[in-house]
Protein backbone atom coordinates (compact mmCIF):
# COMPACT_ATOMS: atom_id res chain seq x y z
CA MET A 1 0.02 0.01 0.05
CA THR A 2 1.24 3.43 -0.86
CA GLN A 3 0.34 6.64 1.07
CA ILE A 4 0.96 10.12 -0.28
CA PHE A 5 1.66 12.89 2.25
CA ILE A 6 1.42 16.39 0.79
CA SER A 7 3.43 19.20 2.48
CA ILE A 8 2.61 22.50 1.08
CA PHE A 9 3.92 25.91 2.15
CA THR A 10 0.68 27.85 1.63
CA ARG A 11 0.63 31.37 0.08
CA PHE A 12 -1.21 33.32 2.74
CA ASN A 13 0.63 36.16 4.37
CA GLY A 14 1.35 34.72 7.81
CA ALA A 15 2.90 31.51 6.48
CA ILE A 16 5.24 33.13 3.92
CA MET A 17 6.32 35.73 6.49
CA ALA A 18 7.28 32.86 8.87
CA MET A 19 9.40 31.38 6.05
CA ARG A 20 11.36 34.60 5.24
CA PRO A 21 13.85 34.72 8.10
CA PHE A 22 14.71 31.02 7.78
CA CYS A 23 15.17 31.12 3.99
CA PHE A 24 16.99 34.39 3.87
CA GLN A 25 19.49 33.36 6.48
CA ARG A 26 20.37 30.14 4.59
CA GLY A 27 19.92 31.25 1.06
CA ILE A 28 17.20 28.71 0.52
CA LYS A 29 14.68 28.99 -2.21
CA PRO A 30 11.14 28.30 -0.83
CA THR A 31 9.66 25.37 -2.55
CA ILE A 32 6.58 23.10 -2.46
CA PHE A 33 7.14 19.33 -2.12
CA ILE A 34 5.22 16.04 -2.43
CA LEU A 35 6.38 13.44 -0.05
CA VAL A 36 5.80 9.86 -1.39
CA SER A 37 6.18 7.12 1.36
CA THR A 38 5.93 3.53 0.39
CA LEU A 39 4.98 1.21 3.23
CA CYS A 40 7.14 -1.90 2.72
CA PRO A 41 9.81 -3.87 4.73
CA ALA A 42 12.29 -1.28 3.80
CA VAL A 43 10.72 2.17 4.26
CA TYR A 44 11.59 4.42 1.34
CA ALA A 45 10.87 8.16 1.06
CA GLU A 46 11.37 10.52 -1.98
CA TYR A 47 10.88 14.25 -2.14
CA GLN A 48 9.84 15.63 -5.50
CA VAL A 49 9.67 19.44 -6.37
CA ILE A 50 6.36 20.38 -7.89
CA GLU A 51 6.42 24.18 -7.31
CA GLN A 52 8.96 26.98 -6.68
CA VAL A 53 8.61 30.51 -5.37
CA VAL A 54 10.49 32.80 -7.83
CA ALA A 55 10.00 36.08 -5.99
CA ILE A 56 8.71 37.52 -2.69
CA ALA A 57 6.92 40.84 -2.97
CA GLU A 58 6.19 42.36 0.48
CA ASP A 59 3.78 39.85 2.02
CA ASP A 60 3.02 37.89 -1.13
CA VAL A 61 4.88 35.43 -3.31
CA VAL A 62 5.14 34.91 -7.06
CA LEU A 63 5.12 31.32 -8.13
CA ALA A 64 7.05 29.88 -11.05
CA SER A 65 3.75 28.39 -12.38
CA GLU A 66 2.18 31.85 -12.48
CA VAL A 67 5.02 33.21 -14.65
CA ARG A 68 4.98 30.15 -16.97
CA ASP A 69 1.22 30.42 -17.41
CA GLU A 70 1.52 34.05 -18.38
CA MET A 71 4.35 33.28 -20.74
CA ALA A 72 2.23 30.69 -22.44
CA LYS A 73 -0.52 33.26 -23.06
CA VAL A 74 1.98 35.72 -24.47
CA HIS A 75 3.24 33.03 -26.84
CA GLN A 76 -0.26 32.16 -27.86
CA ARG A 77 -1.02 35.85 -28.65
CA LEU A 78 2.14 36.25 -30.65
CA ILE A 79 1.62 33.06 -32.69
CA ALA A 80 -1.97 34.14 -33.42
CA ASN A 81 -0.66 37.54 -34.69
CA LYS A 82 2.21 35.88 -36.57
CA ARG A 83 4.78 37.79 -34.53
CA PRO A 84 8.27 36.51 -33.72
CA LEU A 85 8.71 34.84 -30.32
CA PRO A 86 11.11 36.68 -27.89
CA ASP A 87 13.95 35.03 -25.98
CA ASN A 88 12.51 32.98 -23.18
CA ASN A 89 14.87 34.34 -20.52
CA ALA A 90 14.00 37.97 -21.42
CA LEU A 91 10.32 37.13 -21.51
CA PHE A 92 10.54 35.34 -18.15
CA ALA A 93 12.16 38.49 -16.57
CA GLN A 94 9.55 40.75 -18.13
CA VAL A 95 6.58 38.66 -17.04
CA LEU A 96 8.09 38.22 -13.51
CA GLU A 97 8.40 42.00 -13.07
CA GLN A 98 4.76 42.42 -14.23
CA ARG A 99 3.58 39.84 -11.68
CA ILE A 100 5.57 41.57 -8.95
CA LEU A 101 3.93 44.99 -9.72
CA ARG A 102 0.49 43.39 -10.01
CA SER A 103 0.96 41.84 -6.48
CA LEU A 104 2.26 45.16 -4.97
CA GLN A 105 -0.71 47.03 -6.34
CA LEU A 106 -3.27 44.47 -5.03
CA GLN A 107 -1.57 44.67 -1.64
CA ARG A 108 -1.77 48.43 -1.65
CA ALA A 109 -5.50 48.17 -2.49
CA GLU A 110 -6.00 45.76 0.42
CA LYS A 111 -4.21 48.09 2.89
CA ILE A 112 -6.39 51.08 1.92
CA GLY A 113 -9.49 48.91 2.13
CA LEU A 114 -10.42 49.02 -1.59
CA ARG A 115 -12.90 46.46 -2.69
CA THR A 116 -15.01 45.67 -5.80
CA SER A 117 -18.49 44.66 -5.06
CA ASP A 118 -20.13 41.65 -6.63
CA GLN A 119 -22.59 44.01 -8.30
CA GLN A 120 -19.90 46.04 -9.87
CA LEU A 121 -18.14 42.88 -11.03
CA ASN A 122 -21.41 41.43 -12.45
CA ASP A 123 -22.03 44.70 -14.36
CA THR A 124 -18.57 44.53 -15.86
CA MET A 125 -18.98 40.77 -16.79
CA ASN A 126 -22.35 41.59 -18.45
CA SER A 127 -20.74 44.42 -20.38
CA ILE A 128 -17.93 42.20 -21.65
CA ALA A 129 -20.47 39.51 -22.70
CA ALA A 130 -22.60 42.13 -24.43
CA ARG A 131 -19.61 43.42 -26.43
CA ASN A 132 -19.24 39.92 -27.73
CA ASN A 133 -22.95 39.86 -28.61
CA LEU A 134 -23.58 37.17 -25.91
CA SER A 135 -25.58 36.85 -22.78
CA LEU A 136 -23.56 36.24 -19.52
CA THR A 137 -24.56 32.49 -19.59
CA GLU A 138 -23.52 32.20 -23.22
CA PHE A 139 -20.19 33.99 -22.43
CA LYS A 140 -19.61 31.48 -19.58
CA LEU A 141 -20.24 28.50 -21.83
CA SER A 142 -18.03 29.92 -24.61
CA VAL A 143 -15.08 30.48 -22.11
CA GLU A 144 -15.41 26.99 -20.88
CA SER A 145 -15.70 25.38 -24.27
CA GLN A 146 -12.31 26.81 -24.99
CA GLY A 147 -10.81 25.04 -21.98
CA GLN A 148 -10.52 28.17 -19.84
CA SER A 149 -11.84 28.64 -16.25
CA TYR A 150 -14.71 31.13 -16.00
CA ILE A 151 -13.99 31.47 -12.33
CA ASP A 152 -10.32 32.35 -13.10
CA ILE A 153 -11.36 34.85 -15.62
CA ARG A 154 -13.79 36.43 -13.17
CA ASN A 155 -11.20 36.66 -10.54
CA ASN A 156 -8.70 38.25 -12.95
CA ILE A 157 -11.25 40.82 -13.97
CA ARG A 158 -12.02 41.64 -10.37
CA GLN A 159 -8.31 42.13 -9.72
CA ASP A 160 -7.94 44.24 -12.81
CA MET A 161 -10.83 46.60 -11.68
CA ILE A 162 -9.23 46.87 -8.26
CA ILE A 163 -5.77 47.69 -9.82
CA ARG A 164 -7.36 50.40 -12.06
CA GLU A 165 -9.08 52.00 -9.07
CA VAL A 166 -6.04 51.98 -6.88
CA GLN A 167 -3.97 53.49 -9.68
CA ARG A 168 -6.57 56.23 -10.33
CA ARG A 169 -6.81 57.11 -6.61
CA SER A 170 -3.05 57.12 -6.21
CA VAL A 171 -2.06 58.96 -9.34
CA ILE A 172 -4.69 61.63 -9.55
CA ARG A 173 -3.54 63.29 -6.31
CA THR A 174 0.07 63.46 -7.65
CA ILE A 175 -1.04 65.55 -10.63
CA ASN A 176 -0.69 69.27 -10.24
CA ILE A 177 -2.21 71.71 -12.60
CA ASP A 178 -1.83 75.47 -12.19
CA GLN A 179 -4.04 78.09 -13.57
CA SER A 180 -1.53 79.21 -16.16
CA GLU A 181 -1.58 75.78 -17.74
CA VAL A 182 -5.37 75.93 -17.85
CA ASP A 183 -5.33 79.39 -19.48
CA ASN A 184 -2.78 78.26 -22.10
CA PHE A 185 -4.76 75.17 -22.92
CA LEU A 186 -7.99 77.02 -23.39
CA ASN A 187 -6.21 79.47 -25.78
CA SER A 188 -4.76 76.52 -27.81
CA GLU A 189 -6.33 75.10 -30.89
CA LYS A 190 -6.72 71.70 -29.01
CA GLY A 191 -8.53 73.50 -26.23
CA LYS A 192 -10.82 75.33 -28.46
CA ALA A 193 -11.69 72.16 -30.38
CA LEU A 194 -12.25 70.25 -27.12
CA LEU A 195 -14.70 72.83 -25.82
CA GLU A 196 -16.65 73.15 -29.05
CA ILE A 197 -20.11 71.71 -29.22
CA GLU A 198 -20.62 68.61 -31.34
CA TYR A 199 -23.80 67.66 -33.08
CA ASN A 200 -24.96 64.30 -34.26
CA ILE A 201 -26.80 65.30 -37.47
CA ASP A 202 -29.04 63.11 -39.57
CA HIS A 203 -29.76 64.48 -43.07
CA ILE A 204 -32.10 63.95 -46.05
CA LEU A 205 -31.68 65.62 -49.43
CA LEU A 206 -34.21 66.01 -52.20
CA ALA A 207 -32.18 66.95 -55.27
CA ILE A 208 -33.56 69.76 -57.40
CA ASN A 209 -32.09 71.30 -60.56
CA THR A 210 -30.82 74.77 -60.01
CA GLU A 211 -32.87 75.89 -63.08
CA ALA A 212 -36.10 74.37 -61.68
CA SER A 213 -39.19 76.50 -61.78
CA LYS A 214 -40.85 77.99 -58.70
CA ASP A 215 -43.73 75.58 -58.97
CA THR A 216 -41.34 72.62 -58.95
CA VAL A 217 -39.48 73.95 -55.94
CA ALA A 218 -42.78 74.62 -54.19
CA ALA A 219 -44.04 71.05 -54.89
CA ALA A 220 -40.67 69.63 -53.57
CA LYS A 221 -41.01 71.79 -50.47
CA ILE A 222 -44.40 70.32 -49.73
CA LYS A 223 -43.06 66.81 -50.07
CA MET A 224 -40.22 67.59 -47.65
CA ILE A 225 -42.55 69.18 -45.14
CA GLN A 226 -44.73 65.97 -45.28
CA LEU A 227 -41.57 63.88 -44.89
CA LYS A 228 -40.60 66.01 -41.89
CA SER A 229 -43.91 65.45 -40.19
CA LEU A 230 -43.92 61.71 -40.75
CA ALA A 231 -40.26 61.51 -39.43
CA THR A 232 -41.30 63.43 -36.35
CA LEU A 233 -44.23 61.05 -35.84
CA LYS A 234 -42.15 57.93 -36.43
CA GLY A 235 -39.15 58.97 -34.49
CA GLY A 236 -36.49 59.77 -37.06
CA PHE A 237 -35.34 59.39 -40.69
CA SER A 238 -34.46 55.72 -40.50
CA ALA A 239 -38.06 54.91 -39.86
CA ILE A 240 -39.19 56.59 -43.07
CA ALA A 241 -36.50 55.53 -45.48
CA ASP A 242 -39.01 53.86 -47.78
CA ARG A 243 -41.10 56.97 -48.03
CA ALA A 244 -37.92 59.00 -48.72
CA GLU A 245 -37.13 56.65 -51.65
CA ILE A 246 -40.60 57.17 -53.07
CA ILE A 247 -39.98 60.86 -53.65
CA ASN A 248 -36.43 60.17 -54.73
CA ALA A 249 -34.90 61.78 -51.58
CA GLU A 250 -31.50 60.52 -50.41
CA HIS A 251 -30.92 59.71 -46.71
CA ASN A 252 -27.23 60.84 -46.04
CA PRO A 253 -26.37 61.12 -42.27
CA LEU A 254 -23.70 63.62 -41.43
CA GLY A 255 -22.81 61.95 -38.05
CA TRP A 256 -21.03 63.77 -35.30
CA ARG A 257 -19.67 67.21 -36.41
CA ARG A 258 -18.07 69.94 -34.43
CA PHE A 259 -19.95 73.24 -35.12
CA SER A 260 -17.02 74.54 -37.15
CA ASP A 261 -17.20 71.44 -39.28
CA VAL A 262 -20.92 71.74 -40.00
CA PRO A 263 -21.57 72.91 -43.64
CA MET A 264 -22.11 76.66 -43.70
CA MET A 265 -25.60 76.41 -45.14
CA PHE A 266 -26.64 74.36 -42.07
CA GLN A 267 -24.89 76.29 -39.33
CA SER A 268 -27.66 78.79 -38.52
CA THR A 269 -30.35 76.08 -38.45
CA VAL A 270 -28.19 73.72 -36.28
CA LYS A 271 -27.37 76.58 -33.83
CA ASN A 272 -31.11 77.24 -33.44
CA THR A 273 -32.51 73.77 -33.52
CA LEU A 274 -33.00 71.92 -30.26
CA GLU A 275 -31.76 68.40 -29.56
CA GLY A 276 -34.23 65.91 -31.03
CA GLU A 277 -35.90 68.41 -33.41
CA ILE A 278 -36.18 68.22 -37.17
CA SER A 279 -35.63 71.39 -39.20
CA GLU A 280 -37.76 73.09 -41.79
CA PRO A 281 -36.64 72.48 -45.42
CA ILE A 282 -33.40 74.31 -46.14
CA ARG A 283 -32.76 75.37 -49.82
CA SER A 284 -29.34 75.11 -51.45
CA ASP A 285 -27.97 74.75 -54.99
CA SER A 286 -28.25 71.05 -54.78
CA GLY A 287 -31.80 70.84 -53.60
CA LEU A 288 -33.88 70.85 -50.37
CA HIS A 289 -32.55 69.51 -47.09
CA ILE A 290 -34.05 68.60 -43.76
CA ILE A 291 -31.74 67.80 -40.82
CA HIS A 292 -32.45 66.07 -37.53
CA ILE A 293 -30.42 66.98 -34.42
CA LEU A 294 -30.00 63.52 -32.86
CA ALA A 295 -27.84 64.57 -30.00
CA LYS A 296 -25.44 67.18 -28.78
CA ARG A 297 -22.36 66.92 -26.59
CA GLY A 298 -19.40 69.04 -25.37
CA GLY A 299 -19.56 72.76 -25.13
CA VAL A 300 -19.35 74.74 -22.04
CA GLU A 301 -22.71 76.58 -22.01
CA GLY A 302 -24.55 76.42 -18.70
CA THR A 303 -26.30 78.45 -16.10
CA GLN A 304 -27.16 78.03 -12.47
CA THR A 305 -29.95 79.62 -10.45
CA GLU A 306 -28.64 81.16 -7.24
CA THR A 307 -30.90 82.54 -4.48
CA ASN A 308 -30.22 85.33 -2.05
CA VAL A 309 -32.01 84.11 1.13
CA ARG A 310 -32.25 84.86 4.86
CA HIS A 311 -33.76 82.72 7.58
CA ILE A 312 -34.60 82.30 11.17
CA LEU A 313 -34.09 78.92 12.96
CA ILE A 314 -36.15 78.06 16.06
CA ALA A 315 -34.52 74.86 17.43
CA PRO A 316 -35.73 72.50 20.16
CA ASN A 317 -33.37 72.29 23.17
CA GLU A 318 -33.19 71.21 26.75
CA ILE A 319 -35.96 73.55 27.94
CA ARG A 320 -37.96 73.78 24.57
CA SER A 321 -39.68 70.83 23.04
CA VAL A 322 -40.26 70.35 19.38
CA ASP A 323 -43.88 71.33 19.72
CA GLU A 324 -42.89 74.50 21.71
CA ALA A 325 -40.33 75.33 19.06
CA LYS A 326 -42.99 75.07 16.35
CA ILE A 327 -45.30 77.38 18.28
CA LEU A 328 -42.55 79.98 18.86
CA ALA A 329 -41.69 79.82 15.09
CA ALA A 330 -45.26 80.52 14.23
CA GLU A 331 -45.31 83.48 16.58
CA VAL A 332 -42.12 84.93 15.03
CA ARG A 333 -43.60 84.56 11.54
CA GLN A 334 -46.72 86.52 12.54
CA LYS A 335 -44.40 89.24 13.80
CA ILE A 336 -42.80 89.38 10.31
CA LEU A 337 -46.15 89.45 8.60
CA ALA A 338 -47.20 92.28 10.92
CA GLY A 339 -44.32 94.33 9.63
CA GLU A 340 -41.57 93.86 12.26
CA ASP A 341 -38.02 93.88 10.91
CA PHE A 342 -36.78 90.45 9.77
CA ALA A 343 -33.20 91.10 10.61
CA PHE A 344 -34.00 92.37 14.08
CA LEU A 345 -36.15 89.26 14.80
CA ALA A 346 -33.32 86.92 13.42
CA ARG A 347 -30.82 88.51 15.80
CA GLU A 348 -33.31 88.15 18.73
CA TYR A 349 -34.65 84.75 18.15
CA SER A 350 -32.62 82.71 15.59
CA ASP A 351 -30.68 79.67 16.90
CA ASP A 352 -28.41 79.59 13.84
CA PRO A 353 -25.20 81.19 15.21
CA GLY A 354 -23.72 81.45 11.74
CA SER A 355 -26.37 83.87 10.47
CA ALA A 356 -28.20 85.34 13.50
CA LEU A 357 -25.64 88.10 13.95
CA THR A 358 -26.06 89.15 10.23
CA GLY A 359 -29.86 89.31 10.50
CA GLY A 360 -30.32 85.77 9.15
CA ASP A 361 -28.56 86.44 5.92
CA LEU A 362 -27.22 83.33 4.13
CA GLY A 363 -25.98 85.26 1.09
CA TRP A 364 -26.18 83.77 -2.40
CA SER A 365 -26.91 80.00 -2.16
CA LYS A 366 -26.16 77.61 -4.91
CA PRO A 367 -28.27 74.50 -5.62
CA GLY A 368 -27.18 71.49 -3.51
CA THR A 369 -25.60 73.37 -0.65
CA LEU A 370 -28.55 73.47 1.75
CA VAL A 371 -30.71 70.67 3.27
CA PRO A 372 -33.45 69.47 0.96
CA GLU A 373 -36.38 70.67 2.97
CA PHE A 374 -34.82 74.18 2.92
CA GLU A 375 -34.09 74.14 -0.79
CA THR A 376 -37.63 72.88 -1.68
CA MET A 377 -39.18 75.79 0.35
CA MET A 378 -36.66 78.23 -0.99
CA ALA A 379 -37.59 77.24 -4.63
CA ASN A 380 -41.28 77.67 -3.92
CA THR A 381 -41.04 81.04 -2.23
CA ASP A 382 -41.45 84.18 -4.29
CA ILE A 383 -39.03 87.10 -4.12
CA ASP A 384 -39.71 89.32 -1.07
CA LYS A 385 -42.17 86.90 0.35
CA THR A 386 -41.98 85.09 3.76
CA SER A 387 -42.37 81.32 3.64
CA ALA A 388 -44.53 79.27 5.87
CA ILE A 389 -42.80 77.66 8.85
CA PHE A 390 -41.18 74.32 7.89
CA LYS A 391 -39.19 71.70 9.70
CA SER A 392 -35.71 70.25 8.98
CA GLN A 393 -33.32 68.13 10.99
CA PHE A 394 -32.15 71.31 12.77
CA GLY A 395 -35.59 72.62 13.89
CA TRP A 396 -38.24 74.97 12.54
CA HIS A 397 -37.36 77.61 9.91
CA ILE A 398 -38.83 80.73 8.39
CA LEU A 399 -37.17 82.16 5.32
CA GLN A 400 -37.43 85.11 2.94
CA VAL A 401 -36.15 85.13 -0.65
CA SER A 402 -34.46 88.53 -1.31
CA ASP A 403 -33.49 88.03 -4.91
CA ARG A 404 -32.54 85.38 -7.64
CA ARG A 405 -30.07 85.39 -10.39
CA GLU A 406 -28.85 83.13 -13.18
CA LYS A 407 -25.09 82.66 -12.92
CA ASP A 408 -23.12 81.92 -16.07
CA LEU A 409 -21.09 78.80 -15.57
CA SER A 410 -19.31 78.78 -18.88
CA SER A 411 -16.09 79.84 -17.42
CA GLU A 412 -16.15 77.36 -14.60
CA LEU A 413 -17.13 74.56 -16.91
CA ALA A 414 -14.39 75.44 -19.32
CA ASN A 415 -11.84 75.31 -16.50
CA GLN A 416 -13.09 71.99 -15.40
CA ARG A 417 -12.97 70.46 -18.91
CA ALA A 418 -9.50 71.95 -19.43
CA ARG A 419 -8.15 70.54 -16.18
CA MET A 420 -9.52 67.01 -17.10
CA ALA A 421 -7.83 67.19 -20.44
CA ILE A 422 -4.55 68.31 -19.05
CA ALA A 423 -4.70 65.56 -16.35
CA GLU A 424 -5.31 62.97 -19.07
CA THR A 425 -2.11 64.09 -20.88
CA LYS A 426 -0.12 63.86 -17.64
CA TYR A 427 -1.64 60.59 -16.34
CA ASP A 428 0.52 58.12 -18.19
CA ASP A 429 3.74 59.77 -16.99
CA ALA A 430 2.37 60.09 -13.44
CA LEU A 431 1.37 56.46 -13.43
CA SER A 432 4.77 55.36 -14.56
CA ASN A 433 6.37 57.34 -11.78
CA TRP A 434 3.93 56.03 -9.13
CA LEU A 435 4.61 52.43 -10.18
CA GLN A 436 8.33 52.96 -10.07
CA ASP A 437 8.09 54.49 -6.61
CA LEU A 438 5.87 51.66 -5.49
CA ARG A 439 8.43 49.15 -6.82
CA ASP A 440 11.48 50.96 -5.46
CA ASN A 441 9.98 51.30 -1.89
CA ALA A 442 8.78 47.69 -1.67
CA TYR A 443 10.55 44.72 -0.31
CA VAL A 444 11.15 42.43 -3.25
CA ASP A 445 13.39 39.40 -3.33
CA ILE A 446 13.86 37.62 -6.66
CA LYS A 447 15.07 34.10 -6.27
């Protein structure tokens, strides 16, 4: 009878940390063995190496099998693309370094508590399957039919997601962009192009001879107006392609165009047509056109409603219950309605220390900066009117809206877009520097 005893140095952190002092002092390469013991009159034991640790990276190890598996994948890709195979020693060193960096990044993510939820992973897996025109079940079956492990692929994708996130969080904070860079970018051709509005334009042309009579042009215009009405009803030009063919009109989408690339004869119409709308017929030397603005993107146009508001807060406390606070708030409101000065009453009664001394004035408030109950009441109160009393988590409020204004956000939006574009250009270099620092400052022992 033969019994097989397996002795494996496991990969978890505590075990490998226990191995490190012993191995380093003696120059021993950590290995994994199978011990085969044959029970017979003369007991015989043989140790056989089945795995080897090729590197220690902080609290983790890189196994030879991991490097070999990755090398095999590289070979398969190169063969499939009919590319020459590299020297095995050079490839081994390159793949080993990649595995070390991968391990260090995953360990960094674990230290900062970064996780990828099952829902996030499932969404990503569904997205990958959809890009291959498969359901997730079909994708799983396809993977397994090729001899691959769906579980392994799922785990690798989870790790890739974690690595991308730890890179993003670590690198973004190292990128510094000053205002002069932003200004220079906005003044550059690249900056101007980036901030320009783009339009997705669908287009139908009914060709008309330049020498056509007025009656012919008028009849053609009626046909195009009818075509426009039908397209509006049906949801776009693609749905009426057969009707367009009947009147010999040509469906010719223009696709995404920056405004400066839109044909001059359409620019005025495009500028004044809302997203989703279809234009009236446009006359040109080639005939009559109708265009459909399918979508818009980019640009830096935008406004924000700001409200100048003041308030009085009556809060419950140790000697005033919630109901008593409500009663007092109602009494203060009656004083305001009777003509007493709001600012004076705010200084006397308000429990908001930040605004009481200034007569309850909160200044110009942007959307999203105040509690929801306050913003709802503020939005529904006319200028120079006093609101009803209302409750928030802080107590009972009375507010007055002094004024409203529309603030142009174009400059702020342009600055944000410019900073994002500049950050993208700096990201790759910053990522390389971060990875190098991560590698240089880590404990790595290559066997």
